[in-house]
PDB file of all heavy atoms in Angstrom:
ATOM      1  N   ASN A   1     -15.169  -2.179  -3.365  1.00  0.00           N
ATOM      2  CA  ASN A   1     -14.579  -1.371  -2.292  1.00  0.00           C
ATOM      3  C   ASN A   1     -13.221  -1.917  -1.864  1.00  0.00           C
ATOM      4  O   ASN A   1     -12.943  -2.083  -0.668  1.00  0.00           O
ATOM      5  CB  ASN A   1     -15.526  -1.287  -1.093  1.00  0.00           C
ATOM      6  CG  ASN A   1     -16.850  -0.651  -1.445  1.00  0.00           C
ATOM      7  OD1 ASN A   1     -16.900   0.376  -2.115  1.00  0.00           O
ATOM      8  ND2 ASN A   1     -17.932  -1.254  -0.982  1.00  0.00           N
ATOM      9  N   THR A   2     -12.386  -2.190  -2.839  1.00  0.00           N
ATOM     10  CA  THR A   2     -11.056  -2.704  -2.565  1.00  0.00           C
ATOM     11  C   THR A   2     -10.003  -1.890  -3.297  1.00  0.00           C
ATOM     12  O   THR A   2     -10.266  -1.287  -4.334  1.00  0.00           O
ATOM     13  CB  THR A   2     -10.910  -4.175  -2.985  1.00  0.00           C
ATOM     14  OG1 THR A   2     -11.181  -4.305  -4.388  1.00  0.00           O
ATOM     15  CG2 THR A   2     -11.865  -5.056  -2.198  1.00  0.00           C
ATOM     16  N   VAL A   3      -8.813  -1.899  -2.744  1.00  0.00           N
ATOM     17  CA  VAL A   3      -7.659  -1.311  -3.395  1.00  0.00           C
ATOM     18  C   VAL A   3      -6.479  -2.252  -3.170  1.00  0.00           C
ATOM     19  O   VAL A   3      -6.275  -2.750  -2.059  1.00  0.00           O
ATOM     20  CB  VAL A   3      -7.366   0.112  -2.877  1.00  0.00           C
ATOM     21  CG1 VAL A   3      -7.111   0.123  -1.376  1.00  0.00           C
ATOM     22  CG2 VAL A   3      -6.203   0.733  -3.640  1.00  0.00           C
ATOM     23  N   ASP A   4      -5.735  -2.509  -4.229  1.00  0.00           N
ATOM     24  CA  ASP A   4      -4.627  -3.447  -4.188  1.00  0.00           C
ATOM     25  C   ASP A   4      -3.327  -2.741  -4.530  1.00  0.00           C
ATOM     26  O   ASP A   4      -3.310  -1.689  -5.175  1.00  0.00           O
ATOM     27  CB  ASP A   4      -4.838  -4.595  -5.174  1.00  0.00           C
ATOM     28  CG  ASP A   4      -5.969  -5.530  -4.781  1.00  0.00           C
ATOM     29  OD1 ASP A   4      -6.553  -5.356  -3.694  1.00  0.00           O
ATOM     30  OD2 ASP A   4      -6.269  -6.443  -5.577  1.00  0.00           O
ATOM     31  N   LEU A   5      -2.245  -3.342  -4.102  1.00  0.00           N
ATOM     32  CA  LEU A   5      -0.915  -2.865  -4.447  1.00  0.00           C
ATOM     33  C   LEU A   5      -0.088  -4.058  -4.886  1.00  0.00           C
ATOM     34  O   LEU A   5       0.255  -4.917  -4.063  1.00  0.00           O
ATOM     35  CB  LEU A   5      -0.249  -2.155  -3.264  1.00  0.00           C
ATOM     36  CG  LEU A   5       1.110  -1.524  -3.557  1.00  0.00           C
ATOM     37  CD1 LEU A   5       0.958  -0.331  -4.493  1.00  0.00           C
ATOM     38  CD2 LEU A   5       1.806  -1.102  -2.264  1.00  0.00           C
ATOM     39  N   GLN A   6       0.207  -4.123  -6.173  1.00  0.00           N
ATOM     40  CA  GLN A   6       1.079  -5.152  -6.706  1.00  0.00           C
ATOM     41  C   GLN A   6       2.514  -4.664  -6.612  1.00  0.00           C
ATOM     42  O   GLN A   6       2.861  -3.626  -7.174  1.00  0.00           O
ATOM     43  CB  GLN A   6       0.721  -5.469  -8.157  1.00  0.00           C
ATOM     44  CG  GLN A   6       1.612  -6.513  -8.814  1.00  0.00           C
ATOM     45  CD  GLN A   6       1.470  -7.879  -8.192  1.00  0.00           C
ATOM     46  OE1 GLN A   6       0.363  -8.344  -7.966  1.00  0.00           O
ATOM     47  NE2 GLN A   6       2.598  -8.527  -7.904  1.00  0.00           N
ATOM     48  N   MET A   7       3.345  -5.406  -5.912  1.00  0.00           N
ATOM     49  CA  MET A   7       4.727  -5.019  -5.673  1.00  0.00           C
ATOM     50  C   MET A   7       5.645  -6.042  -6.323  1.00  0.00           C
ATOM     51  O   MET A   7       5.654  -7.213  -5.938  1.00  0.00           O
ATOM     52  CB  MET A   7       5.011  -4.916  -4.173  1.00  0.00           C
ATOM     53  CG  MET A   7       4.060  -3.984  -3.430  1.00  0.00           C
ATOM     54  SD  MET A   7       4.516  -3.761  -1.686  1.00  0.00           S
ATOM     55  CE  MET A   7       4.246  -5.426  -1.076  1.00  0.00           C
ATOM     56  N   ASN A   8       6.411  -5.588  -7.296  1.00  0.00           N
ATOM     57  CA  ASN A   8       7.358  -6.437  -8.002  1.00  0.00           C
ATOM     58  C   ASN A   8       8.777  -5.940  -7.772  1.00  0.00           C
ATOM     59  O   ASN A   8       8.996  -4.802  -7.369  1.00  0.00           O
ATOM     60  CB  ASN A   8       7.052  -6.451  -9.501  1.00  0.00           C
ATOM     61  CG  ASN A   8       5.687  -7.004  -9.826  1.00  0.00           C
ATOM     62  OD1 ASN A   8       5.196  -7.907  -9.160  1.00  0.00           O
ATOM     63  ND2 ASN A   8       5.078  -6.474 -10.886  1.00  0.00           N
ATOM     64  N   SER A   9       9.731  -6.802  -8.060  1.00  0.00           N
ATOM     65  CA  SER A   9      11.152  -6.461  -7.921  1.00  0.00           C
ATOM     66  C   SER A   9      11.442  -5.845  -6.562  1.00  0.00           C
ATOM     67  O   SER A   9      12.105  -4.811  -6.443  1.00  0.00           O
ATOM     68  CB  SER A   9      11.577  -5.510  -9.050  1.00  0.00           C
ATOM     69  OG  SER A   9      11.352  -6.080 -10.316  1.00  0.00           O
ATOM     70  N   LEU A  10      10.971  -6.493  -5.528  1.00  0.00           N
ATOM     71  CA  LEU A  10      11.093  -5.952  -4.185  1.00  0.00           C
ATOM     72  C   LEU A  10      12.547  -5.882  -3.738  1.00  0.00           C
ATOM     73  O   LEU A  10      13.364  -6.742  -4.075  1.00  0.00           O
ATOM     74  CB  LEU A  10      10.287  -6.792  -3.206  1.00  0.00           C
ATOM     75  CG  LEU A  10       8.775  -6.539  -3.255  1.00  0.00           C
ATOM     76  CD1 LEU A  10       8.013  -7.685  -2.608  1.00  0.00           C
ATOM     77  CD2 LEU A  10       8.441  -5.218  -2.574  1.00  0.00           C
ATOM     78  N   LYS A  11      12.837  -4.846  -2.976  1.00  0.00           N
ATOM     79  CA  LYS A  11      14.163  -4.585  -2.447  1.00  0.00           C
ATOM     80  C   LYS A  11      14.118  -4.583  -0.928  1.00  0.00           C
ATOM     81  O   LYS A  11      13.063  -4.329  -0.343  1.00  0.00           O
ATOM     82  CB  LYS A  11      14.678  -3.228  -2.936  1.00  0.00           C
ATOM     83  CG  LYS A  11      14.656  -3.030  -4.438  1.00  0.00           C
ATOM     84  CD  LYS A  11      15.031  -1.599  -4.796  1.00  0.00           C
ATOM     85  CE  LYS A  11      14.995  -1.370  -6.291  1.00  0.00           C
ATOM     86  NZ  LYS A  11      15.340   0.036  -6.641  1.00  0.00           N
ATOM     87  N   PRO A  12      15.244  -4.832  -0.271  1.00  0.00           N
ATOM     88  CA  PRO A  12      15.256  -4.733   1.195  1.00  0.00           C
ATOM     89  C   PRO A  12      14.778  -3.385   1.714  1.00  0.00           C
ATOM     90  O   PRO A  12      14.168  -3.330   2.788  1.00  0.00           O
ATOM     91  CB  PRO A  12      16.724  -4.988   1.544  1.00  0.00           C
ATOM     92  CG  PRO A  12      17.210  -5.880   0.455  1.00  0.00           C
ATOM     93  CD  PRO A  12      16.515  -5.390  -0.786  1.00  0.00           C
ATOM     94  N   ASP A  13      15.018  -2.311   0.976  1.00  0.00           N
ATOM     95  CA  ASP A  13      14.563  -0.989   1.395  1.00  0.00           C
ATOM     96  C   ASP A  13      13.049  -0.859   1.389  1.00  0.00           C
ATOM     97  O   ASP A  13      12.515   0.105   1.944  1.00  0.00           O
ATOM     98  CB  ASP A  13      15.163   0.098   0.498  1.00  0.00           C
ATOM     99  CG  ASP A  13      16.629   0.362   0.776  1.00  0.00           C
ATOM    100  OD1 ASP A  13      17.139  -0.114   1.807  1.00  0.00           O
ATOM    101  OD2 ASP A  13      17.276   1.056  -0.036  1.00  0.00           O
ATOM    102  N   ASP A  14      12.353  -1.789   0.759  1.00  0.00           N
ATOM    103  CA  ASP A  14      10.892  -1.783   0.779  1.00  0.00           C
ATOM    104  C   ASP A  14      10.331  -2.329   2.080  1.00  0.00           C
ATOM    105  O   ASP A  14       9.114  -2.259   2.300  1.00  0.00           O
ATOM    106  CB  ASP A  14      10.330  -2.591  -0.386  1.00  0.00           C
ATOM    107  CG  ASP A  14      10.667  -1.994  -1.742  1.00  0.00           C
ATOM    108  OD1 ASP A  14      10.626  -0.756  -1.877  1.00  0.00           O
ATOM    109  OD2 ASP A  14      10.967  -2.772  -2.672  1.00  0.00           O
ATOM    110  N   THR A  15      11.174  -2.887   2.927  1.00  0.00           N
ATOM    111  CA  THR A  15      10.719  -3.436   4.193  1.00  0.00           C
ATOM    112  C   THR A  15      10.079  -2.350   5.045  1.00  0.00           C
ATOM    113  O   THR A  15      10.696  -1.319   5.330  1.00  0.00           O
ATOM    114  CB  THR A  15      11.888  -4.077   4.951  1.00  0.00           C
ATOM    115  OG1 THR A  15      12.381  -5.196   4.204  1.00  0.00           O
ATOM    116  CG2 THR A  15      11.452  -4.558   6.322  1.00  0.00           C
ATOM    117  N   ALA A  16       8.839  -2.574   5.449  1.00  0.00           N
ATOM    118  CA  ALA A  16       8.091  -1.587   6.213  1.00  0.00           C
ATOM    119  C   ALA A  16       6.744  -2.170   6.574  1.00  0.00           C
ATOM    120  O   ALA A  16       6.353  -3.237   6.085  1.00  0.00           O
ATOM    121  CB  ALA A  16       7.900  -0.297   5.410  1.00  0.00           C
ATOM    122  N   VAL A  17       6.029  -1.456   7.428  1.00  0.00           N
ATOM    123  CA  VAL A  17       4.621  -1.727   7.646  1.00  0.00           C
ATOM    124  C   VAL A  17       3.843  -0.909   6.623  1.00  0.00           C
ATOM    125  O   VAL A  17       4.035   0.306   6.515  1.00  0.00           O
ATOM    126  CB  VAL A  17       4.172  -1.377   9.071  1.00  0.00           C
ATOM    127  CG1 VAL A  17       2.677  -1.607   9.235  1.00  0.00           C
ATOM    128  CG2 VAL A  17       4.951  -2.194  10.088  1.00  0.00           C
ATOM    129  N   TYR A  18       2.984  -1.564   5.883  1.00  0.00           N
ATOM    130  CA  TYR A  18       2.211  -0.918   4.832  1.00  0.00           C
ATOM    131  C   TYR A  18       0.783  -0.697   5.312  1.00  0.00           C
ATOM    132  O   TYR A  18       0.135  -1.612   5.831  1.00  0.00           O
ATOM    133  CB  TYR A  18       2.219  -1.766   3.563  1.00  0.00           C
ATOM    134  CG  TYR A  18       3.514  -1.686   2.806  1.00  0.00           C
ATOM    135  CD1 TYR A  18       4.677  -2.263   3.315  1.00  0.00           C
ATOM    136  CD2 TYR A  18       3.598  -1.016   1.586  1.00  0.00           C
ATOM    137  CE1 TYR A  18       5.874  -2.175   2.639  1.00  0.00           C
ATOM    138  CE2 TYR A  18       4.795  -0.929   0.902  1.00  0.00           C
ATOM    139  CZ  TYR A  18       5.931  -1.508   1.428  1.00  0.00           C
ATOM    140  OH  TYR A  18       7.118  -1.415   0.736  1.00  0.00           O
ATOM    141  N   TYR A  19       0.295   0.524   5.124  1.00  0.00           N
ATOM    142  CA  TYR A  19      -1.020   0.929   5.579  1.00  0.00           C
ATOM    143  C   TYR A  19      -1.897   1.334   4.405  1.00  0.00           C
ATOM    144  O   TYR A  19      -1.459   2.066   3.515  1.00  0.00           O
ATOM    145  CB  TYR A  19      -0.929   2.117   6.538  1.00  0.00           C
ATOM    146  CG  TYR A  19      -0.158   1.844   7.804  1.00  0.00           C
ATOM    147  CD1 TYR A  19       1.207   2.061   7.862  1.00  0.00           C
ATOM    148  CD2 TYR A  19      -0.806   1.378   8.945  1.00  0.00           C
ATOM    149  CE1 TYR A  19       1.919   1.820   9.022  1.00  0.00           C
ATOM    150  CE2 TYR A  19      -0.104   1.137  10.107  1.00  0.00           C
ATOM    151  CZ  TYR A  19       1.262   1.360  10.141  1.00  0.00           C
ATOM    152  OH  TYR A  19       1.960   1.126  11.298  1.00  0.00           O
ATOM    153  N   CYS A  20      -3.120   0.884   4.439  1.00  0.00           N
ATOM    154  CA  CYS A  20      -4.127   1.291   3.469  1.00  0.00           C
ATOM    155  C   CYS A  20      -4.868   2.508   3.998  1.00  0.00           C
ATOM    156  O   CYS A  20      -5.144   2.610   5.200  1.00  0.00           O
ATOM    157  CB  CYS A  20      -5.099   0.132   3.233  1.00  0.00           C
ATOM    158  SG  CYS A  20      -6.535   0.515   2.227  1.00  0.00           S
ATOM    159  N   LYS A  21      -5.194   3.431   3.117  1.00  0.00           N
ATOM    160  CA  LYS A  21      -5.940   4.623   3.502  1.00  0.00           C
ATOM    161  C   LYS A  21      -7.039   4.933   2.502  1.00  0.00           C
ATOM    162  O   LYS A  21      -6.821   4.893   1.292  1.00  0.00           O
ATOM    163  CB  LYS A  21      -5.009   5.841   3.604  1.00  0.00           C
ATOM    164  CG  LYS A  21      -5.701   7.083   4.149  1.00  0.00           C
ATOM    165  CD  LYS A  21      -4.863   8.336   3.990  1.00  0.00           C
ATOM    166  CE  LYS A  21      -4.979   8.879   2.583  1.00  0.00           C
ATOM    167  NZ  LYS A  21      -4.326  10.217   2.450  1.00  0.00           N
ATOM    168  N   PHE A  22      -8.219   5.234   3.029  1.00  0.00           N
ATOM    169  CA  PHE A  22      -9.317   5.753   2.239  1.00  0.00           C
ATOM    170  C   PHE A  22      -9.579   7.184   2.666  1.00  0.00           C
ATOM    171  O   PHE A  22      -9.618   7.478   3.863  1.00  0.00           O
ATOM    172  CB  PHE A  22     -10.596   4.934   2.435  1.00  0.00           C
ATOM    173  CG  PHE A  22     -10.696   3.699   1.585  1.00  0.00           C
ATOM    174  CD1 PHE A  22      -9.602   2.889   1.375  1.00  0.00           C
ATOM    175  CD2 PHE A  22     -11.902   3.349   0.994  1.00  0.00           C
ATOM    176  CE1 PHE A  22      -9.695   1.742   0.595  1.00  0.00           C
ATOM    177  CE2 PHE A  22     -12.012   2.207   0.218  1.00  0.00           C
ATOM    178  CZ  PHE A  22     -10.909   1.401   0.016  1.00  0.00           C
ATOM    179  N   GLU A  23      -9.771   8.046   1.697  1.00  0.00           N
ATOM    180  CA  GLU A  23     -10.086   9.443   1.947  1.00  0.00           C
ATOM    181  C   GLU A  23     -11.555   9.672   1.621  1.00  0.00           C
ATOM    182  O   GLU A  23     -11.969   9.522   0.474  1.00  0.00           O
ATOM    183  CB  GLU A  23      -9.189  10.343   1.111  1.00  0.00           C
ATOM    184  CG  GLU A  23      -9.398  11.821   1.328  1.00  0.00           C
ATOM    185  CD  GLU A  23      -8.466  12.648   0.467  1.00  0.00           C
ATOM    186  OE1 GLU A  23      -7.279  12.793   0.852  1.00  0.00           O
ATOM    187  OE2 GLU A  23      -8.927  13.126  -0.586  1.00  0.00           O
ATOM    188  N   ARG A  24     -12.325  10.041   2.635  1.00  0.00           N
ATOM    189  CA  ARG A  24     -13.752  10.226   2.472  1.00  0.00           C
ATOM    190  C   ARG A  24     -14.112  11.696   2.583  1.00  0.00           C
ATOM    191  O   ARG A  24     -13.660  12.385   3.489  1.00  0.00           O
ATOM    192  CB  ARG A  24     -14.522   9.418   3.529  1.00  0.00           C
ATOM    193  CG  ARG A  24     -16.029   9.538   3.420  1.00  0.00           C
ATOM    194  CD  ARG A  24     -16.711   8.821   4.565  1.00  0.00           C
ATOM    195  NE  ARG A  24     -18.133   9.107   4.595  1.00  0.00           N
ATOM    196  CZ  ARG A  24     -18.888   9.064   5.667  1.00  0.00           C
ATOM    197  NH1 ARG A  24     -18.347   8.724   6.837  1.00  0.00           N
ATOM    198  NH2 ARG A  24     -20.180   9.347   5.594  1.00  0.00           N
ATOM    199  N   VAL A  25     -14.937  12.152   1.663  1.00  0.00           N
ATOM    200  CA  VAL A  25     -15.402  13.526   1.692  1.00  0.00           C
ATOM    201  C   VAL A  25     -16.564  13.633   2.664  1.00  0.00           C
ATOM    202  O   VAL A  25     -17.583  12.957   2.513  1.00  0.00           O
ATOM    203  CB  VAL A  25     -15.827  14.000   0.289  1.00  0.00           C
ATOM    204  CG1 VAL A  25     -16.377  15.418   0.352  1.00  0.00           C
ATOM    205  CG2 VAL A  25     -14.655  13.930  -0.674  1.00  0.00           C
ATOM    206  N   ARG A  26     -16.415  14.487   3.663  1.00  0.00           N
ATOM    207  CA  ARG A  26     -17.449  14.685   4.668  1.00  0.00           C
ATOM    208  C   ARG A  26     -18.360  15.853   4.328  1.00  0.00           C
ATOM    209  O   ARG A  26     -19.516  15.889   4.755  1.00  0.00           O
ATOM    210  CB  ARG A  26     -16.818  14.925   6.043  1.00  0.00           C
ATOM    211  CG  ARG A  26     -15.918  13.794   6.524  1.00  0.00           C
ATOM    212  CD  ARG A  26     -16.667  12.485   6.650  1.00  0.00           C
ATOM    213  NE  ARG A  26     -17.852  12.584   7.489  1.00  0.00           N
ATOM    214  CZ  ARG A  26     -17.843  12.458   8.804  1.00  0.00           C
ATOM    215  NH1 ARG A  26     -16.707  12.232   9.453  1.00  0.00           N
ATOM    216  NH2 ARG A  26     -18.977  12.551   9.484  1.00  0.00           N
TER     217      ARG A  26
END
């Protein structure tokens, strides 16, 4: 139950708050 984000060659424009989201079918 995990999801990862590998970020390479980072740029200043990548600066942000990063949010994880799960979409659940109700």
